[in-house]
Amino acid sequence: MKLSSTVPLLFAATLVLFGQEAMPRMSSVDPSSGKAGDVIAVTGENLDKANVDKVYLTDDKNDFVCEVTGQTATEIKLKIPAKAAGRLALMILTTGKEPKLITQPVKVTIE
């Protein structure tokens, strides 16, 4: 294989690697329970505004949009919505050209 034919392949591989968006992931919530109006802190990775557009609490039938009161790459602070109740999972709406709703493996109990 000639060097001239490997350069375009390396360039294409670089675009694929650096073109991928960082996938947000939540790993824990503190406190693990609360009531409407309380603020909870969720930790994880790639949680900044460049990757996460909105955060919801969901029971797979009803989705409750959360007010974000603070957001960094490793933590999001959320205000529990008024109508949320029960054991709910956190769900993220990603940013980018093709936003995705991703249910996270983190749950919170709303009193």
Protein backbone atom coordinates (compact mmCIF):
# COMPACT_ATOMS: atom_id res chain seq x y z
CA MET A 1 0.00 0.00 0.00
CA LYS A 2 1.39 3.37 -0.96
CA LEU A 3 1.75 6.16 1.54
CA SER A 4 -0.49 8.36 -0.61
CA SER A 5 -3.40 5.94 -0.13
CA THR A 6 -2.97 5.61 3.66
CA VAL A 7 -3.18 9.35 4.36
CA PRO A 8 -6.88 9.63 3.36
CA LEU A 9 -7.67 6.54 5.46
CA LEU A 10 -5.97 8.01 8.52
CA PHE A 11 -7.75 11.32 7.99
CA ALA A 12 -11.14 9.57 7.75
CA ALA A 13 -10.46 7.56 10.91
CA THR A 14 -9.53 10.76 12.77
CA LEU A 15 -12.81 12.41 11.72
CA VAL A 16 -14.79 9.43 12.99
CA LEU A 17 -13.03 9.42 16.37
CA PHE A 18 -13.23 13.15 16.99
CA GLY A 19 -16.63 13.59 15.36
CA GLN A 20 -18.41 11.49 17.95
CA GLU A 21 -20.34 13.38 20.59
CA ALA A 22 -19.57 12.70 24.24
CA MET A 23 -22.38 10.58 25.68
CA PRO A 24 -23.77 11.94 28.98
CA ARG A 25 -24.06 9.43 31.81
CA MET A 26 -25.52 9.84 35.29
CA SER A 27 -24.14 7.61 38.05
CA SER A 28 -25.60 8.80 41.38
CA VAL A 29 -28.11 11.16 42.97
CA ASP A 30 -27.96 12.89 46.36
CA PRO A 31 -30.25 12.79 48.22
CA SER A 32 -31.94 9.69 46.80
CA SER A 33 -35.38 10.93 47.87
CA GLY A 34 -37.14 14.25 48.23
CA LYS A 35 -40.34 16.19 47.69
CA ALA A 36 -41.56 18.72 45.14
CA GLY A 37 -39.43 21.85 45.18
CA ASP A 38 -36.36 20.15 46.67
CA VAL A 39 -33.05 20.41 44.81
CA ILE A 40 -31.14 17.19 44.16
CA ALA A 41 -27.58 16.79 42.85
CA VAL A 42 -26.88 14.23 40.14
CA THR A 43 -23.27 13.25 39.41
CA GLY A 44 -21.82 11.61 36.34
CA GLU A 45 -19.87 12.54 33.23
CA ASN A 46 -20.44 14.75 30.18
CA LEU A 47 -23.35 16.48 31.92
CA ASP A 48 -22.50 20.02 30.77
CA LYS A 49 -24.74 22.22 28.61
CA ALA A 50 -22.85 21.15 25.48
CA ASN A 51 -24.17 17.58 25.96
CA VAL A 52 -27.39 17.84 28.00
CA ASP A 53 -30.28 20.05 26.87
CA LYS A 54 -33.01 19.00 29.33
CA VAL A 55 -33.51 16.59 32.22
CA TYR A 56 -36.74 14.77 33.05
CA LEU A 57 -38.08 12.51 35.77
CA THR A 58 -40.03 9.64 34.22
CA ASP A 59 -42.07 6.57 35.16
CA ASP A 60 -42.12 5.46 31.48
CA LYS A 61 -45.69 6.80 31.15
CA ASN A 62 -45.34 10.36 32.39
CA ASP A 63 -42.35 12.66 31.92
CA PHE A 64 -41.77 15.65 34.21
CA VAL A 65 -39.33 18.31 33.02
CA CYS A 66 -36.93 19.43 35.76
CA GLU A 67 -35.64 22.94 36.30
CA VAL A 68 -31.84 22.85 36.15
CA THR A 69 -30.41 25.12 38.86
CA GLY A 70 -26.73 24.29 38.22
CA GLN A 71 -24.81 22.37 35.59
CA THR A 72 -21.17 21.33 35.12
CA ALA A 73 -19.48 18.47 33.27
CA THR A 74 -19.74 16.23 36.36
CA GLU A 75 -22.88 17.46 38.16
CA ILE A 76 -26.39 18.71 37.50
CA LYS A 77 -28.57 20.23 40.22
CA LEU A 78 -32.29 19.78 39.61
CA LYS A 79 -35.44 21.11 41.23
CA ILE A 80 -38.06 18.39 41.67
CA PRO A 81 -41.24 19.35 39.71
CA ALA A 82 -44.53 19.90 41.55
CA LYS A 83 -46.50 17.02 39.99
CA ALA A 84 -43.77 14.36 40.23
CA ALA A 85 -44.40 11.48 42.67
CA GLY A 86 -43.24 7.91 43.23
CA ARG A 87 -39.99 6.17 42.24
CA LEU A 88 -38.84 7.88 39.05
CA ALA A 89 -35.90 7.45 36.70
CA LEU A 90 -33.86 10.34 35.37
CA MET A 91 -33.91 10.89 31.61
CA ILE A 92 -31.70 13.18 29.52
CA LEU A 93 -32.42 14.99 26.26
CA THR A 94 -29.06 15.30 24.52
CA THR A 95 -27.94 18.22 22.39
CA GLY A 96 -26.59 18.02 18.85
CA LYS A 97 -27.87 17.43 15.35
CA GLU A 98 -29.88 14.40 16.40
CA PRO A 99 -31.07 14.88 20.02
CA LYS A 100 -31.86 11.66 21.87
CA LEU A 101 -33.85 10.88 25.00
CA ILE A 102 -31.76 8.54 27.16
CA THR A 103 -33.14 7.02 30.36
CA GLN A 104 -30.40 6.83 32.98
CA PRO A 105 -29.74 4.00 35.48
CA VAL A 106 -30.39 6.44 38.34
CA LYS A 107 -33.70 6.70 40.24
CA VAL A 108 -35.06 9.03 42.86
CA THR A 109 -38.04 8.59 45.20
CA ILE A 110 -40.41 11.56 45.32
CA GLU A 111 -42.59 11.78 48.43
